[in-house]
Amino acid sequence: MCITRLGRVLALNGSRVTVEFLDTELIKDIDVSMVKSVARNSFVEVFGDVALCLISPRQVKSRQKLAIEIRKRAVET
């Protein structure tokens, strides 16, 4: 199973960006060569050290709510 993470772009450096991951606040440089129109403060979906796509702030909120619900249910069982 592939698990992706969401991050906010903090800085641009050619085909690499500095991203703050939303789940851990870890900051890491990742490759964005597969994604067009990356800008500072945009959100990306990341697998490994590679950005797969841009995602909207609305999608981020939805996914964060889903992650919270999954964690709650995991604790209940």
PDB file of N, CA and C in Angstrom:
ATOM      1  N   MET A   1       0.843  -1.169   0.000  1.00  0.00           N
ATOM      2  CA  MET A   1       0.000   0.000   0.000  1.00  0.00           C
ATOM      3  C   MET A   1       0.893   1.237   0.000  1.00  0.00           C
ATOM      4  N   CYS A   2       0.555   2.193  -0.827  1.00  0.00           N
ATOM      5  CA  CYS A   2       1.274   3.467  -0.883  1.00  0.00           C
ATOM      6  C   CYS A   2       0.617   4.453   0.072  1.00  0.00           C
ATOM      7  N   ILE A   3       1.434   5.126   0.835  1.00  0.00           N
ATOM      8  CA  ILE A   3       0.918   6.152   1.730  1.00  0.00           C
ATOM      9  C   ILE A   3       1.548   7.471   1.331  1.00  0.00           C
ATOM     10  N   THR A   4       0.699   8.418   0.986  1.00  0.00           N
ATOM     11  CA  THR A   4       1.178   9.735   0.604  1.00  0.00           C
ATOM     12  C   THR A   4       1.004  10.688   1.772  1.00  0.00           C
ATOM     13  N   ARG A   5       1.712  11.786   1.699  1.00  0.00           N
ATOM     14  CA  ARG A   5       1.629  12.812   2.735  1.00  0.00           C
ATOM     15  C   ARG A   5       1.322  14.146   2.065  1.00  0.00           C
ATOM     16  N   LEU A   6       0.776  15.049   2.845  1.00  0.00           N
ATOM     17  CA  LEU A   6       0.460  16.381   2.351  1.00  0.00           C
ATOM     18  C   LEU A   6       1.451  17.370   2.928  1.00  0.00           C
ATOM     19  N   GLY A   7       1.856  18.328   2.090  1.00  0.00           N
ATOM     20  CA  GLY A   7       2.790  19.333   2.568  1.00  0.00           C
ATOM     21  C   GLY A   7       2.526  20.680   1.939  1.00  0.00           C
ATOM     22  N   ARG A   8       2.987  21.712   2.633  1.00  0.00           N
ATOM     23  CA  ARG A   8       2.875  23.083   2.141  1.00  0.00           C
ATOM     24  C   ARG A   8       4.253  23.537   1.687  1.00  0.00           C
ATOM     25  N   VAL A   9       4.320  24.122   0.513  1.00  0.00           N
ATOM     26  CA  VAL A   9       5.586  24.569  -0.062  1.00  0.00           C
ATOM     27  C   VAL A   9       6.033  25.858   0.639  1.00  0.00           C
ATOM     28  N   LEU A  10       7.235  25.804   1.197  1.00  0.00           N
ATOM     29  CA  LEU A  10       7.790  26.965   1.884  1.00  0.00           C
ATOM     30  C   LEU A  10       8.728  27.772   0.997  1.00  0.00           C
ATOM     31  N   ALA A  11       9.515  27.074   0.163  1.00  0.00           N
ATOM     32  CA  ALA A  11      10.502  27.763  -0.681  1.00  0.00           C
ATOM     33  C   ALA A  11      10.748  26.969  -1.947  1.00  0.00           C
ATOM     34  N   LEU A  12      11.079  27.663  -3.013  1.00  0.00           N
ATOM     35  CA  LEU A  12      11.353  27.055  -4.316  1.00  0.00           C
ATOM     36  C   LEU A  12      12.845  27.116  -4.610  1.00  0.00           C
ATOM     37  N   ASN A  13      13.346  26.048  -5.235  1.00  0.00           N
ATOM     38  CA  ASN A  13      14.742  26.013  -5.658  1.00  0.00           C
ATOM     39  C   ASN A  13      14.839  25.152  -6.912  1.00  0.00           C
ATOM     40  N   GLY A  14      14.405  25.701  -8.040  1.00  0.00           N
ATOM     41  CA  GLY A  14      14.408  24.951  -9.298  1.00  0.00           C
ATOM     42  C   GLY A  14      13.391  23.816  -9.259  1.00  0.00           C
ATOM     43  N   SER A  15      13.860  22.597  -9.490  1.00  0.00           N
ATOM     44  CA  SER A  15      12.957  21.434  -9.485  1.00  0.00           C
ATOM     45  C   SER A  15      12.822  20.830  -8.089  1.00  0.00           C
ATOM     46  N   ARG A  16      13.350  21.506  -7.095  1.00  0.00           N
ATOM     47  CA  ARG A  16      13.212  21.056  -5.705  1.00  0.00           C
ATOM     48  C   ARG A  16      12.537  22.164  -4.900  1.00  0.00           C
ATOM     49  N   VAL A  17      11.798  21.763  -3.889  1.00  0.00           N
ATOM     50  CA  VAL A  17      11.152  22.729  -3.000  1.00  0.00           C
ATOM     51  C   VAL A  17      11.344  22.281  -1.559  1.00  0.00           C
ATOM     52  N   THR A  18      11.218  23.231  -0.671  1.00  0.00           N
ATOM     53  CA  THR A  18      11.201  22.922   0.752  1.00  0.00           C
ATOM     54  C   THR A  18       9.747  22.836   1.163  1.00  0.00           C
ATOM     55  N   VAL A  19       9.388  21.706   1.770  1.00  0.00           N
ATOM     56  CA  VAL A  19       7.998  21.436   2.136  1.00  0.00           C
ATOM     57  C   VAL A  19       7.898  21.209   3.638  1.00  0.00           C
ATOM     58  N   GLU A  20       6.830  21.749   4.229  1.00  0.00           N
ATOM     59  CA  GLU A  20       6.495  21.437   5.614  1.00  0.00           C
ATOM     60  C   GLU A  20       5.345  20.434   5.570  1.00  0.00           C
ATOM     61  N   PHE A  21       5.589  19.230   6.074  1.00  0.00           N
ATOM     62  CA  PHE A  21       4.537  18.218   6.079  1.00  0.00           C
ATOM     63  C   PHE A  21       3.496  18.575   7.130  1.00  0.00           C
ATOM     64  N   LEU A  22       2.239  18.420   6.773  1.00  0.00           N
ATOM     65  CA  LEU A  22       1.146  18.840   7.646  1.00  0.00           C
ATOM     66  C   LEU A  22       0.912  17.894   8.807  1.00  0.00           C
ATOM     67  N   ASP A  23       1.298  16.634   8.666  1.00  0.00           N
ATOM     68  CA  ASP A  23       1.034  15.675   9.730  1.00  0.00           C
ATOM     69  C   ASP A  23       2.073  15.708  10.844  1.00  0.00           C
ATOM     70  N   THR A  24       3.274  16.175  10.557  1.00  0.00           N
ATOM     71  CA  THR A  24       4.335  16.150  11.571  1.00  0.00           C
ATOM     72  C   THR A  24       5.081  17.468  11.700  1.00  0.00           C
ATOM     73  N   GLU A  25       4.831  18.407  10.840  1.00  0.00           N
ATOM     74  CA  GLU A  25       5.544  19.678  10.778  1.00  0.00           C
ATOM     75  C   GLU A  25       7.020  19.483  10.446  1.00  0.00           C
ATOM     76  N   LEU A  26       7.394  18.302   9.954  1.00  0.00           N
ATOM     77  CA  LEU A  26       8.742  18.042   9.477  1.00  0.00           C
ATOM     78  C   LEU A  26       8.981  18.854   8.221  1.00  0.00           C
ATOM     79  N   ILE A  27      10.158  19.429   8.090  1.00  0.00           N
ATOM     80  CA  ILE A  27      10.503  20.213   6.905  1.00  0.00           C
ATOM     81  C   ILE A  27      11.550  19.445   6.119  1.00  0.00           C
ATOM     82  N   LYS A  28      11.312  19.305   4.801  1.00  0.00           N
ATOM     83  CA  LYS A  28      12.184  18.484   3.967  1.00  0.00           C
ATOM     84  C   LYS A  28      12.205  19.018   2.540  1.00  0.00           C
ATOM     85  N   ASP A  29      13.314  18.818   1.848  1.00  0.00           N
ATOM     86  CA  ASP A  29      13.400  19.169   0.428  1.00  0.00           C
ATOM     87  C   ASP A  29      12.898  17.999  -0.405  1.00  0.00           C
ATOM     88  N   ILE A  30      12.053  18.292  -1.389  1.00  0.00           N
ATOM     89  CA  ILE A  30      11.515  17.244  -2.256  1.00  0.00           C
ATOM     90  C   ILE A  30      11.593  17.670  -3.715  1.00  0.00           C
ATOM     91  N   ASP A  31      11.477  16.690  -4.592  1.00  0.00           N
ATOM     92  CA  ASP A  31      11.521  16.900  -6.042  1.00  0.00           C
ATOM     93  C   ASP A  31      10.107  17.225  -6.537  1.00  0.00           C
ATOM     94  N   VAL A  32       9.984  18.307  -7.300  1.00  0.00           N
ATOM     95  CA  VAL A  32       8.682  18.691  -7.857  1.00  0.00           C
ATOM     96  C   VAL A  32       8.708  18.716  -9.385  1.00  0.00           C
ATOM     97  N   SER A  33       9.650  18.000  -9.973  1.00  0.00           N
ATOM     98  CA  SER A  33       9.802  18.044 -11.433  1.00  0.00           C
ATOM     99  C   SER A  33       8.591  17.487 -12.177  1.00  0.00           C
ATOM    100  N   MET A  34       7.756  16.675 -11.521  1.00  0.00           N
ATOM    101  CA  MET A  34       6.565  16.115 -12.177  1.00  0.00           C
ATOM    102  C   MET A  34       5.346  17.021 -12.060  1.00  0.00           C
ATOM    103  N   VAL A  35       5.449  18.097 -11.303  1.00  0.00           N
ATOM    104  CA  VAL A  35       4.297  18.950 -11.010  1.00  0.00           C
ATOM    105  C   VAL A  35       4.507  20.326 -11.633  1.00  0.00           C
ATOM    106  N   LYS A  36       3.492  20.802 -12.335  1.00  0.00           N
ATOM    107  CA  LYS A  36       3.558  22.132 -12.949  1.00  0.00           C
ATOM    108  C   LYS A  36       2.927  23.172 -12.029  1.00  0.00           C
ATOM    109  N   SER A  37       3.383  24.379 -12.160  1.00  0.00           N
ATOM    110  CA  SER A  37       2.798  25.540 -11.472  1.00  0.00           C
ATOM    111  C   SER A  37       2.904  25.480  -9.959  1.00  0.00           C
ATOM    112  N   VAL A  38       3.989  24.942  -9.458  1.00  0.00           N
ATOM    113  CA  VAL A  38       4.199  24.933  -8.010  1.00  0.00           C
ATOM    114  C   VAL A  38       4.604  26.334  -7.574  1.00  0.00           C
ATOM    115  N   ALA A  39       3.989  26.824  -6.529  1.00  0.00           N
ATOM    116  CA  ALA A  39       4.284  28.154  -6.002  1.00  0.00           C
ATOM    117  C   ALA A  39       4.423  28.076  -4.484  1.00  0.00           C
ATOM    118  N   ARG A  40       5.026  29.100  -3.928  1.00  0.00           N
ATOM    119  CA  ARG A  40       5.141  29.176  -2.472  1.00  0.00           C
ATOM    120  C   ARG A  40       3.739  29.155  -1.865  1.00  0.00           C
ATOM    121  N   ASN A  41       3.570  28.427  -0.780  1.00  0.00           N
ATOM    122  CA  ASN A  41       2.306  28.253  -0.045  1.00  0.00           C
ATOM    123  C   ASN A  41       1.302  27.349  -0.745  1.00  0.00           C
ATOM    124  N   SER A  42       1.666  26.753  -1.873  1.00  0.00           N
ATOM    125  CA  SER A  42       0.757  25.774  -2.469  1.00  0.00           C
ATOM    126  C   SER A  42       0.912  24.452  -1.720  1.00  0.00           C
ATOM    127  N   PHE A  43      -0.055  23.573  -1.893  1.00  0.00           N
ATOM    128  CA  PHE A  43      -0.043  22.280  -1.218  1.00  0.00           C
ATOM    129  C   PHE A  43       0.242  21.186  -2.235  1.00  0.00           C
ATOM    130  N   VAL A  44       1.058  20.202  -1.817  1.00  0.00           N
ATOM    131  CA  VAL A  44       1.412  19.098  -2.686  1.00  0.00           C
ATOM    132  C   VAL A  44       1.181  17.768  -1.973  1.00  0.00           C
ATOM    133  N   GLU A  45       0.898  16.756  -2.773  1.00  0.00           N
ATOM    134  CA  GLU A  45       0.811  15.388  -2.265  1.00  0.00           C
ATOM    135  C   GLU A  45       2.152  14.736  -2.568  1.00  0.00           C
ATOM    136  N   VAL A  46       2.766  14.121  -1.562  1.00  0.00           N
ATOM    137  CA  VAL A  46       4.137  13.632  -1.669  1.00  0.00           C
ATOM    138  C   VAL A  46       4.194  12.136  -1.363  1.00  0.00           C
ATOM    139  N   PHE A  47       4.986  11.430  -2.159  1.00  0.00           N
ATOM    140  CA  PHE A  47       5.314  10.031  -1.876  1.00  0.00           C
ATOM    141  C   PHE A  47       6.833   9.915  -1.921  1.00  0.00           C
ATOM    142  N   GLY A  48       7.419   9.428  -0.843  1.00  0.00           N
ATOM    143  CA  GLY A  48       8.875   9.396  -0.770  1.00  0.00           C
ATOM    144  C   GLY A  48       9.390  10.820  -0.744  1.00  0.00           C
ATOM    145  N   ASP A  49      10.253  11.148  -1.670  1.00  0.00           N
ATOM    146  CA  ASP A  49      10.783  12.508  -1.785  1.00  0.00           C
ATOM    147  C   ASP A  49      10.325  13.172  -3.078  1.00  0.00           C
ATOM    148  N   VAL A  50       9.159  12.753  -3.597  1.00  0.00           N
ATOM    149  CA  VAL A  50       8.668  13.258  -4.876  1.00  0.00           C
ATOM    150  C   VAL A  50       7.236  13.775  -4.723  1.00  0.00           C
ATOM    151  N   ALA A  51       6.998  14.987  -5.217  1.00  0.00           N
ATOM    152  CA  ALA A  51       5.636  15.530  -5.245  1.00  0.00           C
ATOM    153  C   ALA A  51       4.888  14.898  -6.412  1.00  0.00           C
ATOM    154  N   LEU A  52       3.702  14.394  -6.145  1.00  0.00           N
ATOM    155  CA  LEU A  52       2.897  13.749  -7.179  1.00  0.00           C
ATOM    156  C   LEU A  52       1.952  14.721  -7.858  1.00  0.00           C
ATOM    157  N   CYS A  53       1.376  15.653  -7.081  1.00  0.00           N
ATOM    158  CA  CYS A  53       0.410  16.588  -7.647  1.00  0.00           C
ATOM    159  C   CYS A  53       0.168  17.737  -6.674  1.00  0.00           C
ATOM    160  N   LEU A  54      -0.409  18.798  -7.209  1.00  0.00           N
ATOM    161  CA  LEU A  54      -0.895  19.896  -6.378  1.00  0.00           C
ATOM    162  C   LEU A  54      -2.261  19.513  -5.834  1.00  0.00           C
ATOM    163  N   ILE A  55      -2.591  19.985  -4.648  1.00  0.00           N
ATOM    164  CA  ILE A  55      -3.928  19.776  -4.107  1.00  0.00           C
ATOM    165  C   ILE A  55      -4.442  21.103  -3.569  1.00  0.00           C
ATOM    166  N   SER A  56      -5.740  21.241  -3.577  1.00  0.00           N
ATOM    167  CA  SER A  56      -6.355  22.498  -3.154  1.00  0.00           C
ATOM    168  C   SER A  56      -6.453  22.569  -1.629  1.00  0.00           C
ATOM    169  N   PRO A  57      -6.550  23.779  -1.080  1.00  0.00           N
ATOM    170  CA  PRO A  57      -6.752  23.911   0.360  1.00  0.00           C
ATOM    171  C   PRO A  57      -8.005  23.162   0.832  1.00  0.00           C
ATOM    172  N   ARG A  58      -9.028  23.133   0.007  1.00  0.00           N
ATOM    173  CA  ARG A  58     -10.258  22.406   0.356  1.00  0.00           C
ATOM    174  C   ARG A  58      -9.976  20.905   0.488  1.00  0.00           C
ATOM    175  N   GLN A  59      -9.189  20.359  -0.444  1.00  0.00           N
ATOM    176  CA  GLN A  59      -8.818  18.948  -0.365  1.00  0.00           C
ATOM    177  C   GLN A  59      -7.977  18.668   0.875  1.00  0.00           C
ATOM    178  N   VAL A  60      -7.111  19.597   1.226  1.00  0.00           N
ATOM    179  CA  VAL A  60      -6.280  19.428   2.425  1.00  0.00           C
ATOM    180  C   VAL A  60      -7.167  19.307   3.654  1.00  0.00           C
ATOM    181  N   LYS A  61      -8.124  20.214   3.810  1.00  0.00           N
ATOM    182  CA  LYS A  61      -9.026  20.173   4.965  1.00  0.00           C
ATOM    183  C   LYS A  61      -9.801  18.869   5.013  1.00  0.00           C
ATOM    184  N   SER A  62     -10.297  18.439   3.876  1.00  0.00           N
ATOM    185  CA  SER A  62     -11.058  17.195   3.808  1.00  0.00           C
ATOM    186  C   SER A  62     -10.201  16.006   4.224  1.00  0.00           C
ATOM    187  N   ARG A  63      -8.990  15.950   3.720  1.00  0.00           N
ATOM    188  CA  ARG A  63      -8.096  14.837   4.048  1.00  0.00           C
ATOM    189  C   ARG A  63      -7.663  14.868   5.507  1.00  0.00           C
ATOM    190  N   GLN A  64      -7.476  16.051   6.059  1.00  0.00           N
ATOM    191  CA  GLN A  64      -7.109  16.141   7.468  1.00  0.00           C
ATOM    192  C   GLN A  64      -8.244  15.648   8.353  1.00  0.00           C
ATOM    193  N   LYS A  65      -9.477  16.003   8.015  1.00  0.00           N
ATOM    194  CA  LYS A  65     -10.631  15.507   8.769  1.00  0.00           C
ATOM    195  C   LYS A  65     -10.721  13.992   8.674  1.00  0.00           C
ATOM    196  N   LEU A  66     -10.489  13.460   7.495  1.00  0.00           N
ATOM    197  CA  LEU A  66     -10.520  12.014   7.294  1.00  0.00           C
ATOM    198  C   LEU A  66      -9.430  11.333   8.114  1.00  0.00           C
ATOM    199  N   ALA A  67      -8.243  11.875   8.149  1.00  0.00           N
ATOM    200  CA  ALA A  67      -7.136  11.288   8.915  1.00  0.00           C
ATOM    201  C   ALA A  67      -7.462  11.264  10.403  1.00  0.00           C
ATOM    202  N   ILE A  68      -8.077  12.332  10.906  1.00  0.00           N
ATOM    203  CA  ILE A  68      -8.482  12.384  12.316  1.00  0.00           C
ATOM    204  C   ILE A  68      -9.504  11.298  12.611  1.00  0.00           C
ATOM    205  N   GLU A  69     -10.475  11.140  11.730  1.00  0.00           N
ATOM    206  CA  GLU A  69     -11.510  10.113  11.910  1.00  0.00           C
ATOM    207  C   GLU A  69     -10.897   8.709  11.891  1.00  0.00           C
ATOM    208  N   ILE A  70      -9.965   8.478  10.991  1.00  0.00           N
ATOM    209  CA  ILE A  70      -9.314   7.166  10.917  1.00  0.00           C
ATOM    210  C   ILE A  70      -8.554   6.879  12.211  1.00  0.00           C
ATOM    211  N   ARG A  71      -7.823   7.872  12.720  1.00  0.00           N
ATOM    212  CA  ARG A  71      -7.086   7.682  13.973  1.00  0.00           C
ATOM    213  C   ARG A  71      -8.015   7.392  15.141  1.00  0.00           C
ATOM    214  N   LYS A  72      -9.162   8.102  15.207  1.00  0.00           N
ATOM    215  CA  LYS A  72     -10.128   7.871  16.274  1.00  0.00           C
ATOM    216  C   LYS A  72     -10.673   6.451  16.210  1.00  0.00           C
ATOM    217  N   ARG A  73     -11.027   5.994  15.036  1.00  0.00           N
ATOM    218  CA  ARG A  73     -11.582   4.646  14.894  1.00  0.00           C
ATOM    219  C   ARG A  73     -10.539   3.568  15.190  1.00  0.00           C
ATOM    220  N   ALA A  74      -9.293   3.846  14.854  1.00  0.00           N
ATOM    221  CA  ALA A  74      -8.224   2.878  15.148  1.00  0.00           C
ATOM    222  C   ALA A  74      -8.055   2.701  16.647  1.00  0.00           C
ATOM    223  N   VAL A  75      -8.215   3.782  17.391  1.00  0.00           N
ATOM    224  CA  VAL A  75      -8.096   3.733  18.846  1.00  0.00           C
ATOM    225  C   VAL A  75      -9.280   2.985  19.451  1.00  0.00           C
ATOM    226  N   GLU A  76     -10.454   3.131  18.870  1.00  0.00           N
ATOM    227  CA  GLU A  76     -11.677   2.501  19.387  1.00  0.00           C
ATOM    228  C   GLU A  76     -11.644   0.988  19.260  1.00  0.00           C
ATOM    229  N   THR A  77     -10.937   0.455  18.266  1.00  0.00           N
ATOM    230  CA  THR A  77     -10.942  -0.990  18.058  1.00  0.00           C
ATOM    231  C   THR A  77      -9.823  -1.692  18.750  1.00  0.00           C
TER     232      THR A  77
END
